[in-house]
């Protein structure tokens, strides 16, 4: 049912788009809510190393010295000026924060927002962040697995206990719990390899496909995830998927919102439940954001026959 599909907008909490006005950037979420946008998504880097040329998905969007604000902190400000819109990360480099601190921060933010937080999580791509945090880069996959599973334990058990290769605790209390039953929803980001499939089945509520994955391949992987969930006794229909809308350009060579939105239905057919657009491709800055949100909402509803 397309009535369940959300319009999700990626907001660049980095680089020049916010124009240095981080307090005003918070108000962009209020403009999104006023226009009927369902969900906003921020991205994460804690620190940057100099080797941005190692980014494998094309040209990295900023030089290493560019500003990059911490997403959970910004989302807390957004929570204070909104009441309905979902607040998400996509992705948060979860292992950099440690399981107990991440669980506490997310639970508090879920309380502040009234149960509107979603955490898209992954390992990230940059070794320098792990080095700066004193973490073993080669253990990043295990750190992610253990971190999110430990968060689930802390959110759902009183007292909580958890034992793994990298995270261990017992008779441990985390209060307050998140508002959302079962804890903050976790959307696992990345390629659907065996480890990520296992993370989704064991701890996840959703999936964020790796950048550059085709809509056709996303549809194939959604089938795989749903079958794995069913095999594990979980409801496959409950899976959430953040699907990027394929970008289209106009005759002038610039990204065209109307032509892009013509691709929305095929992403829904592939299994996406939250259709994602990057605002900076269509909107030069925060001042123009309200008009962009209104037009995106109108075109989205038209594309899905609402």
C-alpha atoms as a PDB file:
ATOM      1  CA  UNK A   1       0.000   0.000   0.000  1.00  0.00           C
ATOM      2  CA  UNK A   2       1.514   3.321  -1.016  1.00  0.00           C
ATOM      3  CA  UNK A   3      -0.323   4.989   1.874  1.00  0.00           C
ATOM      4  CA  UNK A   4       2.337   3.483   4.154  1.00  0.00           C
ATOM      5  CA  UNK A   5       5.264   4.851   2.127  1.00  0.00           C
ATOM      6  CA  UNK A   6       7.079   7.836   3.602  1.00  0.00           C
ATOM      7  CA  UNK A   7       8.756  10.769   1.888  1.00  0.00           C
ATOM      8  CA  UNK A   8      12.215  10.967   3.429  1.00  0.00           C
ATOM      9  CA  UNK A   9      14.573  13.902   2.876  1.00  0.00           C
ATOM     10  CA  UNK A  10      18.308  13.797   3.474  1.00  0.00           C
ATOM     11  CA  UNK A  11      19.578  17.023   5.041  1.00  0.00           C
ATOM     12  CA  UNK A  12      23.316  17.828   4.679  1.00  0.00           C
ATOM     13  CA  UNK A  13      24.556  18.517   8.206  1.00  0.00           C
ATOM     14  CA  UNK A  14      27.953  19.170   6.642  1.00  0.00           C
ATOM     15  CA  UNK A  15      29.717  21.474   4.247  1.00  0.00           C
ATOM     16  CA  UNK A  16      28.398  24.783   2.890  1.00  0.00           C
ATOM     17  CA  UNK A  17      24.673  24.024   2.568  1.00  0.00           C
ATOM     18  CA  UNK A  18      23.708  25.176   6.112  1.00  0.00           C
ATOM     19  CA  UNK A  19      25.599  28.424   5.398  1.00  0.00           C
ATOM     20  CA  UNK A  20      27.184  28.266   8.846  1.00  0.00           C
ATOM     21  CA  UNK A  21      23.864  28.884  10.600  1.00  0.00           C
ATOM     22  CA  UNK A  22      23.417  25.731  12.665  1.00  0.00           C
ATOM     23  CA  UNK A  23      20.710  27.243  14.845  1.00  0.00           C
ATOM     24  CA  UNK A  24      18.757  28.123  11.714  1.00  0.00           C
ATOM     25  CA  UNK A  25      19.434  24.665  10.314  1.00  0.00           C
ATOM     26  CA  UNK A  26      17.289  23.254  13.118  1.00  0.00           C
ATOM     27  CA  UNK A  27      14.350  25.257  11.784  1.00  0.00           C
ATOM     28  CA  UNK A  28      14.624  23.416   8.467  1.00  0.00           C
ATOM     29  CA  UNK A  29      13.039  20.430  10.233  1.00  0.00           C
ATOM     30  CA  UNK A  30      10.093  22.585  11.269  1.00  0.00           C
ATOM     31  CA  UNK A  31       9.660  23.721   7.656  1.00  0.00           C
ATOM     32  CA  UNK A  32       9.751  20.087   6.558  1.00  0.00           C
ATOM     33  CA  UNK A  33       7.088  19.160   9.091  1.00  0.00           C
ATOM     34  CA  UNK A  34       4.908  22.089   8.069  1.00  0.00           C
ATOM     35  CA  UNK A  35       5.068  20.904   4.447  1.00  0.00           C
ATOM     36  CA  UNK A  36       4.070  17.349   5.363  1.00  0.00           C
ATOM     37  CA  UNK A  37       7.446  15.652   4.918  1.00  0.00           C
ATOM     38  CA  UNK A  38       7.422  12.345   6.802  1.00  0.00           C
ATOM     39  CA  UNK A  39      11.066  11.914   7.729  1.00  0.00           C
ATOM     40  CA  UNK A  40      14.395  13.777   7.748  1.00  0.00           C
ATOM     41  CA  UNK A  41      17.782  12.058   7.778  1.00  0.00           C
ATOM     42  CA  UNK A  42      21.208  13.290   8.907  1.00  0.00           C
ATOM     43  CA  UNK A  43      24.582  11.657   8.297  1.00  0.00           C
ATOM     44  CA  UNK A  44      27.644  11.151  10.450  1.00  0.00           C
ATOM     45  CA  UNK A  45      31.364  11.631  10.735  1.00  0.00           C
ATOM     46  CA  UNK A  46      32.889  12.243  14.150  1.00  0.00           C
ATOM     47  CA  UNK A  47      36.284  13.388  12.847  1.00  0.00           C
ATOM     48  CA  UNK A  48      37.817  13.457   9.391  1.00  0.00           C
ATOM     49  CA  UNK A  49      41.208  12.282   8.234  1.00  0.00           C
ATOM     50  CA  UNK A  50      43.025  13.796   5.254  1.00  0.00           C
ATOM     51  CA  UNK A  51      42.488  10.883   2.877  1.00  0.00           C
ATOM     52  CA  UNK A  52      39.041  11.621   1.500  1.00  0.00           C
ATOM     53  CA  UNK A  53      40.266  10.279  -1.846  1.00  0.00           C
ATOM     54  CA  UNK A  54      39.741   6.801  -0.364  1.00  0.00           C
ATOM     55  CA  UNK A  55      35.976   7.330  -0.516  1.00  0.00           C
ATOM     56  CA  UNK A  56      34.869   4.655  -2.983  1.00  0.00           C
ATOM     57  CA  UNK A  57      31.453   6.077  -3.976  1.00  0.00           C
ATOM     58  CA  UNK A  58      32.726   8.968  -6.042  1.00  0.00           C
ATOM     59  CA  UNK A  59      33.994  12.377  -5.015  1.00  0.00           C
ATOM     60  CA  UNK A  60      33.651  12.981  -1.274  1.00  0.00           C
ATOM     61  CA  UNK A  61      31.250  15.900  -0.690  1.00  0.00           C
ATOM     62  CA  UNK A  62      33.565  17.992   1.496  1.00  0.00           C
ATOM     63  CA  UNK A  63      37.249  18.619   2.154  1.00  0.00           C
ATOM     64  CA  UNK A  64      38.410  17.239   5.527  1.00  0.00           C
ATOM     65  CA  UNK A  65      38.397  20.688   7.171  1.00  0.00           C
ATOM     66  CA  UNK A  66      34.749  21.414   6.297  1.00  0.00           C
ATOM     67  CA  UNK A  67      32.204  21.648   9.162  1.00  0.00           C
ATOM     68  CA  UNK A  68      30.300  18.473   9.989  1.00  0.00           C
ATOM     69  CA  UNK A  69      27.886  18.703  12.908  1.00  0.00           C
ATOM     70  CA  UNK A  70      27.096  15.757  15.167  1.00  0.00           C
ATOM     71  CA  UNK A  71      23.751  14.325  14.019  1.00  0.00           C
ATOM     72  CA  UNK A  72      22.212  13.213  17.317  1.00  0.00           C
ATOM     73  CA  UNK A  73      22.833  16.642  18.814  1.00  0.00           C
ATOM     74  CA  UNK A  74      21.202  18.343  15.836  1.00  0.00           C
ATOM     75  CA  UNK A  75      18.277  15.930  15.925  1.00  0.00           C
ATOM     76  CA  UNK A  76      17.661  16.833  19.568  1.00  0.00           C
ATOM     77  CA  UNK A  77      17.283  20.459  18.516  1.00  0.00           C
ATOM     78  CA  UNK A  78      14.958  19.404  15.718  1.00  0.00           C
ATOM     79  CA  UNK A  79      12.913  17.351  18.152  1.00  0.00           C
ATOM     80  CA  UNK A  80      12.347  20.454  20.269  1.00  0.00           C
ATOM     81  CA  UNK A  81      10.730  22.425  17.419  1.00  0.00           C
ATOM     82  CA  UNK A  82       8.660  19.609  15.832  1.00  0.00           C
ATOM     83  CA  UNK A  83       6.002  17.158  16.960  1.00  0.00           C
ATOM     84  CA  UNK A  84       5.313  14.717  14.118  1.00  0.00           C
ATOM     85  CA  UNK A  85       8.180  14.258  11.672  1.00  0.00           C
ATOM     86  CA  UNK A  86      10.428  11.200  12.054  1.00  0.00           C
ATOM     87  CA  UNK A  87      14.061  11.978  12.936  1.00  0.00           C
ATOM     88  CA  UNK A  88      16.672   9.620  11.539  1.00  0.00           C
ATOM     89  CA  UNK A  89      20.352   8.998  10.877  1.00  0.00           C
ATOM     90  CA  UNK A  90      21.572   7.368   7.718  1.00  0.00           C
ATOM     91  CA  UNK A  91      24.100   6.353   8.702  1.00  0.00           C
ATOM     92  CA  UNK A  92      25.485   6.824  12.186  1.00  0.00           C
ATOM     93  CA  UNK A  93      28.921   5.226  12.685  1.00  0.00           C
ATOM     94  CA  UNK A  94      27.643   3.378  15.731  1.00  0.00           C
ATOM     95  CA  UNK A  95      30.862   1.679  16.958  1.00  0.00           C
ATOM     96  CA  UNK A  96      32.555   5.045  17.530  1.00  0.00           C
ATOM     97  CA  UNK A  97      30.211   5.863  20.427  1.00  0.00           C
ATOM     98  CA  UNK A  98      30.266   2.699  22.510  1.00  0.00           C
ATOM     99  CA  UNK A  99      27.177   0.642  23.250  1.00  0.00           C
ATOM    100  CA  UNK A 100      26.167   2.024  26.630  1.00  0.00           C
ATOM    101  CA  UNK A 101      26.631   5.682  25.679  1.00  0.00           C
ATOM    102  CA  UNK A 102      24.818   5.239  22.363  1.00  0.00           C
ATOM    103  CA  UNK A 103      21.942   3.413  24.064  1.00  0.00           C
ATOM    104  CA  UNK A 104      21.623   6.169  26.678  1.00  0.00           C
ATOM    105  CA  UNK A 105      21.838   9.024  24.169  1.00  0.00           C
ATOM    106  CA  UNK A 106      19.325   7.440  21.811  1.00  0.00           C
ATOM    107  CA  UNK A 107      16.896   6.589  24.614  1.00  0.00           C
ATOM    108  CA  UNK A 108      17.017  10.167  25.874  1.00  0.00           C
ATOM    109  CA  UNK A 109      16.477  11.567  22.387  1.00  0.00           C
ATOM    110  CA  UNK A 110      13.576   9.190  21.843  1.00  0.00           C
ATOM    111  CA  UNK A 111      12.041  10.508  25.057  1.00  0.00           C
ATOM    112  CA  UNK A 112      12.549  14.133  24.017  1.00  0.00           C
ATOM    113  CA  UNK A 113      11.043  13.513  20.585  1.00  0.00           C
ATOM    114  CA  UNK A 114       8.076  11.520  21.865  1.00  0.00           C
ATOM    115  CA  UNK A 115       9.190   8.309  20.142  1.00  0.00           C
ATOM    116  CA  UNK A 116      10.240   9.648  16.740  1.00  0.00           C
ATOM    117  CA  UNK A 117      13.892   8.594  16.525  1.00  0.00           C
ATOM    118  CA  UNK A 118      15.255   6.056  14.023  1.00  0.00           C
ATOM    119  CA  UNK A 119      18.919   5.042  13.947  1.00  0.00           C
ATOM    120  CA  UNK A 120      20.419   4.061  10.628  1.00  0.00           C
ATOM    121  CA  UNK A 121      23.749   2.499  11.574  1.00  0.00           C
ATOM    122  CA  UNK A 122      26.865   1.162   9.901  1.00  0.00           C
ATOM    123  CA  UNK A 123      30.623   0.817  10.213  1.00  0.00           C
ATOM    124  CA  UNK A 124      31.551   3.802   8.071  1.00  0.00           C
ATOM    125  CA  UNK A 125      34.393   3.794   5.549  1.00  0.00           C
ATOM    126  CA  UNK A 126      37.142   5.820   7.229  1.00  0.00           C
ATOM    127  CA  UNK A 127      39.905   4.121   9.216  1.00  0.00           C
ATOM    128  CA  UNK A 128      41.121   7.415  10.708  1.00  0.00           C
ATOM    129  CA  UNK A 129      37.955   7.758  12.821  1.00  0.00           C
ATOM    130  CA  UNK A 130      38.590   4.392  14.447  1.00  0.00           C
ATOM    131  CA  UNK A 131      42.254   5.208  15.012  1.00  0.00           C
ATOM    132  CA  UNK A 132      41.352   8.520  16.672  1.00  0.00           C
ATOM    133  CA  UNK A 133      38.842   6.763  18.938  1.00  0.00           C
ATOM    134  CA  UNK A 134      41.362   4.084  19.924  1.00  0.00           C
ATOM    135  CA  UNK A 135      39.350   1.338  18.216  1.00  0.00           C
ATOM    136  CA  UNK A 136      40.612  -1.521  16.087  1.00  0.00           C
ATOM    137  CA  UNK A 137      39.611  -0.899  12.467  1.00  0.00           C
ATOM    138  CA  UNK A 138      39.833  -4.610  11.724  1.00  0.00           C
ATOM    139  CA  UNK A 139      37.174  -5.280  14.379  1.00  0.00           C
ATOM    140  CA  UNK A 140      34.685  -2.729  13.020  1.00  0.00           C
ATOM    141  CA  UNK A 141      32.198  -5.362  11.862  1.00  0.00           C
ATOM    142  CA  UNK A 142      32.195  -7.132  15.214  1.00  0.00           C
ATOM    143  CA  UNK A 143      31.979  -3.794  17.010  1.00  0.00           C
ATOM    144  CA  UNK A 144      28.869  -2.874  15.014  1.00  0.00           C
ATOM    145  CA  UNK A 145      27.218  -6.245  15.605  1.00  0.00           C
ATOM    146  CA  UNK A 146      27.887  -6.130  19.334  1.00  0.00           C
ATOM    147  CA  UNK A 147      27.025  -2.455  19.752  1.00  0.00           C
ATOM    148  CA  UNK A 148      23.547  -2.674  18.255  1.00  0.00           C
ATOM    149  CA  UNK A 149      22.725  -5.955  19.993  1.00  0.00           C
ATOM    150  CA  UNK A 150      23.848  -4.484  23.310  1.00  0.00           C
ATOM    151  CA  UNK A 151      21.690  -1.398  22.717  1.00  0.00           C
ATOM    152  CA  UNK A 152      18.682  -3.656  22.168  1.00  0.00           C
ATOM    153  CA  UNK A 153      19.407  -5.416  25.451  1.00  0.00           C
ATOM    154  CA  UNK A 154      19.714  -2.144  27.363  1.00  0.00           C
ATOM    155  CA  UNK A 155      16.489  -0.805  25.848  1.00  0.00           C
ATOM    156  CA  UNK A 156      14.411  -3.911  26.591  1.00  0.00           C
ATOM    157  CA  UNK A 157      15.806  -5.478  29.782  1.00  0.00           C
ATOM    158  CA  UNK A 158      15.723  -4.226  33.385  1.00  0.00           C
ATOM    159  CA  UNK A 159      18.355  -4.988  34.529  1.00  0.00           C
ATOM    160  CA  UNK A 160      20.221  -5.774  31.318  1.00  0.00           C
ATOM    161  CA  UNK A 161      22.927  -8.310  30.622  1.00  0.00           C
ATOM    162  CA  UNK A 162      24.939  -8.844  27.468  1.00  0.00           C
ATOM    163  CA  UNK A 163      28.044 -10.823  26.589  1.00  0.00           C
ATOM    164  CA  UNK A 164      29.996 -10.694  23.333  1.00  0.00           C
ATOM    165  CA  UNK A 165      33.496 -10.425  21.942  1.00  0.00           C
ATOM    166  CA  UNK A 166      33.684  -6.647  22.409  1.00  0.00           C
ATOM    167  CA  UNK A 167      30.844  -5.620  24.799  1.00  0.00           C
ATOM    168  CA  UNK A 168      30.063  -7.206  28.151  1.00  0.00           C
ATOM    169  CA  UNK A 169      27.899  -6.178  31.083  1.00  0.00           C
ATOM    170  CA  UNK A 170      25.494  -7.686  33.603  1.00  0.00           C
ATOM    171  CA  UNK A 171      23.024  -6.443  36.205  1.00  0.00           C
ATOM    172  CA  UNK A 172      23.026  -3.072  34.410  1.00  0.00           C
ATOM    173  CA  UNK A 173      20.238  -0.498  34.433  1.00  0.00           C
ATOM    174  CA  UNK A 174      19.545   1.994  31.657  1.00  0.00           C
ATOM    175  CA  UNK A 175      16.731   4.418  32.404  1.00  0.00           C
ATOM    176  CA  UNK A 176      14.662   5.944  31.017  1.00  0.00           C
ATOM    177  CA  UNK A 177      13.889   3.479  28.286  1.00  0.00           C
ATOM    178  CA  UNK A 178      12.988   4.681  24.780  1.00  0.00           C
ATOM    179  CA  UNK A 179       9.342   5.558  24.215  1.00  0.00           C
ATOM    180  CA  UNK A 180       9.058   3.144  21.299  1.00  0.00           C
ATOM    181  CA  UNK A 181       8.275  -0.450  22.291  1.00  0.00           C
ATOM    182  CA  UNK A 182      11.296  -2.644  21.722  1.00  0.00           C
ATOM    183  CA  UNK A 183      13.600   0.357  21.627  1.00  0.00           C
ATOM    184  CA  UNK A 184      14.684   2.787  18.950  1.00  0.00           C
ATOM    185  CA  UNK A 185      14.279   1.234  15.473  1.00  0.00           C
ATOM    186  CA  UNK A 186      17.620   0.208  13.981  1.00  0.00           C
ATOM    187  CA  UNK A 187      18.084   0.442  10.217  1.00  0.00           C
ATOM    188  CA  UNK A 188      21.190  -1.484   9.154  1.00  0.00           C
ATOM    189  CA  UNK A 189      23.142   0.250   6.402  1.00  0.00           C
ATOM    190  CA  UNK A 190      25.319  -1.265   3.719  1.00  0.00           C
ATOM    191  CA  UNK A 191      25.714  -4.086   1.241  1.00  0.00           C
ATOM    192  CA  UNK A 192      23.537  -7.104   1.925  1.00  0.00           C
ATOM    193  CA  UNK A 193      26.354  -9.493   2.774  1.00  0.00           C
ATOM    194  CA  UNK A 194      25.982 -12.370   5.235  1.00  0.00           C
ATOM    195  CA  UNK A 195      26.955 -10.281   8.235  1.00  0.00           C
ATOM    196  CA  UNK A 196      24.540  -7.459   7.462  1.00  0.00           C
ATOM    197  CA  UNK A 197      21.740  -9.918   6.767  1.00  0.00           C
ATOM    198  CA  UNK A 198      22.397 -11.509  10.149  1.00  0.00           C
ATOM    199  CA  UNK A 199      22.371  -8.082  11.835  1.00  0.00           C
ATOM    200  CA  UNK A 200      19.005  -7.261  10.294  1.00  0.00           C
ATOM    201  CA  UNK A 201      17.496 -10.580  11.333  1.00  0.00           C
ATOM    202  CA  UNK A 202      18.899 -10.466  14.863  1.00  0.00           C
ATOM    203  CA  UNK A 203      18.716  -6.765  15.777  1.00  0.00           C
ATOM    204  CA  UNK A 204      17.374  -4.718  12.878  1.00  0.00           C
ATOM    205  CA  UNK A 205      14.071  -3.123  11.989  1.00  0.00           C
ATOM    206  CA  UNK A 206      15.081  -1.814   8.576  1.00  0.00           C
ATOM    207  CA  UNK A 207      17.714  -1.719   5.859  1.00  0.00           C
ATOM    208  CA  UNK A 208      19.495   1.165   4.115  1.00  0.00           C
ATOM    209  CA  UNK A 209      20.993  -0.137   0.850  1.00  0.00           C
ATOM    210  CA  UNK A 210      24.562   0.698  -0.039  1.00  0.00           C
ATOM    211  CA  UNK A 211      24.973   3.787  -2.218  1.00  0.00           C
ATOM    212  CA  UNK A 212      24.808   3.095  -5.914  1.00  0.00           C
ATOM    213  CA  UNK A 213      22.706  -0.057  -5.663  1.00  0.00           C
ATOM    214  CA  UNK A 214      20.229  -0.255  -8.534  1.00  0.00           C
ATOM    215  CA  UNK A 215      16.506  -0.385  -7.891  1.00  0.00           C
ATOM    216  CA  UNK A 216      16.415  -3.834  -9.489  1.00  0.00           C
ATOM    217  CA  UNK A 217      19.117  -5.162  -7.179  1.00  0.00           C
ATOM    218  CA  UNK A 218      17.426  -3.564  -4.180  1.00  0.00           C
ATOM    219  CA  UNK A 219      14.229  -5.438  -5.042  1.00  0.00           C
ATOM    220  CA  UNK A 220      16.177  -8.713  -5.171  1.00  0.00           C
ATOM    221  CA  UNK A 221      17.780  -8.052  -1.784  1.00  0.00           C
ATOM    222  CA  UNK A 222      14.471  -7.073  -0.167  1.00  0.00           C
ATOM    223  CA  UNK A 223      13.118 -10.504  -1.123  1.00  0.00           C
ATOM    224  CA  UNK A 224      16.179 -12.106   0.478  1.00  0.00           C
ATOM    225  CA  UNK A 225      15.749 -10.159   3.720  1.00  0.00           C
ATOM    226  CA  UNK A 226      12.056 -10.879   3.981  1.00  0.00           C
ATOM    227  CA  UNK A 227      12.658 -14.595   3.517  1.00  0.00           C
ATOM    228  CA  UNK A 228      15.367 -14.579   6.172  1.00  0.00           C
ATOM    229  CA  UNK A 229      13.055 -12.774   8.588  1.00  0.00           C
ATOM    230  CA  UNK A 230      10.292 -15.304   7.938  1.00  0.00           C
ATOM    231  CA  UNK A 231      12.715 -18.189   8.469  1.00  0.00           C
ATOM    232  CA  UNK A 232      13.670 -16.655  11.818  1.00  0.00           C
ATOM    233  CA  UNK A 233      10.041 -16.350  12.907  1.00  0.00           C
ATOM    234  CA  UNK A 234       9.872 -12.592  12.407  1.00  0.00           C
ATOM    235  CA  UNK A 235       7.225 -10.740  10.404  1.00  0.00           C
ATOM    236  CA  UNK A 236       8.669  -9.956   6.950  1.00  0.00           C
ATOM    237  CA  UNK A 237       5.963  -7.364   6.326  1.00  0.00           C
ATOM    238  CA  UNK A 238       7.378  -5.264   9.176  1.00  0.00           C
ATOM    239  CA  UNK A 239      10.667  -4.655   7.349  1.00  0.00           C
ATOM    240  CA  UNK A 240      11.410  -0.992   6.633  1.00  0.00           C
ATOM    241  CA  UNK A 241      13.574  -0.059   3.644  1.00  0.00           C
ATOM    242  CA  UNK A 242      15.051   3.333   2.780  1.00  0.00           C
ATOM    243  CA  UNK A 243      15.080   3.429  -1.018  1.00  0.00           C
ATOM    244  CA  UNK A 244      16.761   6.247  -2.952  1.00  0.00           C
ATOM    245  CA  UNK A 245      14.723   7.685  -5.802  1.00  0.00           C
ATOM    246  CA  UNK A 246      16.862   7.517  -8.983  1.00  0.00           C
ATOM    247  CA  UNK A 247      17.889  11.032  -9.877  1.00  0.00           C
ATOM    248  CA  UNK A 248      16.913  12.514 -13.248  1.00  0.00           C
ATOM    249  CA  UNK A 249      18.151  15.643 -15.000  1.00  0.00           C
ATOM    250  CA  UNK A 250      16.286  18.200 -17.028  1.00  0.00           C
ATOM    251  CA  UNK A 251      17.149  19.562 -20.447  1.00  0.00           C
ATOM    252  CA  UNK A 252      19.446  22.094 -18.777  1.00  0.00           C
ATOM    253  CA  UNK A 253      21.610  19.318 -17.315  1.00  0.00           C
ATOM    254  CA  UNK A 254      20.558  20.053 -13.734  1.00  0.00           C
ATOM    255  CA  UNK A 255      18.728  17.645 -11.449  1.00  0.00           C
ATOM    256  CA  UNK A 256      14.998  17.973 -12.037  1.00  0.00           C
ATOM    257  CA  UNK A 257      12.637  17.283  -9.138  1.00  0.00           C
ATOM    258  CA  UNK A 258       9.579  16.466 -11.266  1.00  0.00           C
ATOM    259  CA  UNK A 259      11.440  14.039 -13.506  1.00  0.00           C
ATOM    260  CA  UNK A 260      13.112  12.464 -10.517  1.00  0.00           C
ATOM    261  CA  UNK A 261       9.793  11.967  -8.756  1.00  0.00           C
ATOM    262  CA  UNK A 262       8.499  10.122 -11.828  1.00  0.00           C
ATOM    263  CA  UNK A 263      10.754   7.272 -10.639  1.00  0.00           C
ATOM    264  CA  UNK A 264       9.086   7.005  -7.220  1.00  0.00           C
ATOM    265  CA  UNK A 265       6.586   4.277  -8.082  1.00  0.00           C
ATOM    266  CA  UNK A 266       9.272   1.857  -9.246  1.00  0.00           C
ATOM    267  CA  UNK A 267      11.133   2.262  -5.941  1.00  0.00           C
ATOM    268  CA  UNK A 268       7.942   1.472  -4.021  1.00  0.00           C
ATOM    269  CA  UNK A 269       7.412  -1.595  -6.214  1.00  0.00           C
ATOM    270  CA  UNK A 270      10.935  -2.709  -5.314  1.00  0.00           C
ATOM    271  CA  UNK A 271      10.021  -2.761  -1.624  1.00  0.00           C
ATOM    272  CA  UNK A 272      10.986   0.645  -0.301  1.00  0.00           C
ATOM    273  CA  UNK A 273       8.925   2.029   2.577  1.00  0.00           C
ATOM    274  CA  UNK A 274      10.763   5.364   2.853  1.00  0.00           C
ATOM    275  CA  UNK A 275      11.685   7.066  -0.417  1.00  0.00           C
ATOM    276  CA  UNK A 276      14.807   9.158  -0.008  1.00  0.00           C
ATOM    277  CA  UNK A 277      15.804  12.426  -1.698  1.00  0.00           C
ATOM    278  CA  UNK A 278      18.913  14.560  -0.997  1.00  0.00           C
ATOM    279  CA  UNK A 279      17.724  18.135  -0.590  1.00  0.00           C
ATOM    280  CA  UNK A 280      21.003  19.695  -1.762  1.00  0.00           C
ATOM    281  CA  UNK A 281      20.546  18.298  -5.283  1.00  0.00           C
ATOM    282  CA  UNK A 282      17.500  20.522  -5.801  1.00  0.00           C
ATOM    283  CA  UNK A 283      17.676  23.268  -3.188  1.00  0.00           C
ATOM    284  CA  UNK A 284      20.634  25.678  -2.848  1.00  0.00           C
ATOM    285  CA  UNK A 285      20.230  26.399   0.855  1.00  0.00           C
ATOM    286  CA  UNK A 286      18.015  26.589   3.938  1.00  0.00           C
ATOM    287  CA  UNK A 287      16.201  29.750   2.795  1.00  0.00           C
ATOM    288  CA  UNK A 288      14.773  27.901  -0.193  1.00  0.00           C
ATOM    289  CA  UNK A 289      13.922  24.767   1.816  1.00  0.00           C
ATOM    290  CA  UNK A 290      10.223  25.540   2.580  1.00  0.00           C
ATOM    291  CA  UNK A 291       9.364  25.903  -1.120  1.00  0.00           C
ATOM    292  CA  UNK A 292      11.315  22.746  -1.955  1.00  0.00           C
ATOM    293  CA  UNK A 293       9.525  20.724   0.719  1.00  0.00           C
ATOM    294  CA  UNK A 294       6.102  21.838  -0.472  1.00  0.00           C
ATOM    295  CA  UNK A 295       6.867  20.964  -4.090  1.00  0.00           C
ATOM    296  CA  UNK A 296       8.456  17.634  -3.172  1.00  0.00           C
ATOM    297  CA  UNK A 297       5.386  16.668  -1.155  1.00  0.00           C
ATOM    298  CA  UNK A 298       3.048  17.623  -4.004  1.00  0.00           C
ATOM    299  CA  UNK A 299       5.001  15.710  -6.634  1.00  0.00           C
ATOM    300  CA  UNK A 300       5.454  12.685  -4.365  1.00  0.00           C
ATOM    301  CA  UNK A 301       1.733  12.361  -3.725  1.00  0.00           C
ATOM    302  CA  UNK A 302       0.980  12.771  -7.422  1.00  0.00           C
ATOM    303  CA  UNK A 303       3.546  10.140  -8.394  1.00  0.00           C
ATOM    304  CA  UNK A 304       1.963   7.618  -6.010  1.00  0.00           C
ATOM    305  CA  UNK A 305      -1.585   8.488  -6.966  1.00  0.00           C
ATOM    306  CA  UNK A 306      -2.568   9.950  -3.627  1.00  0.00           C
END
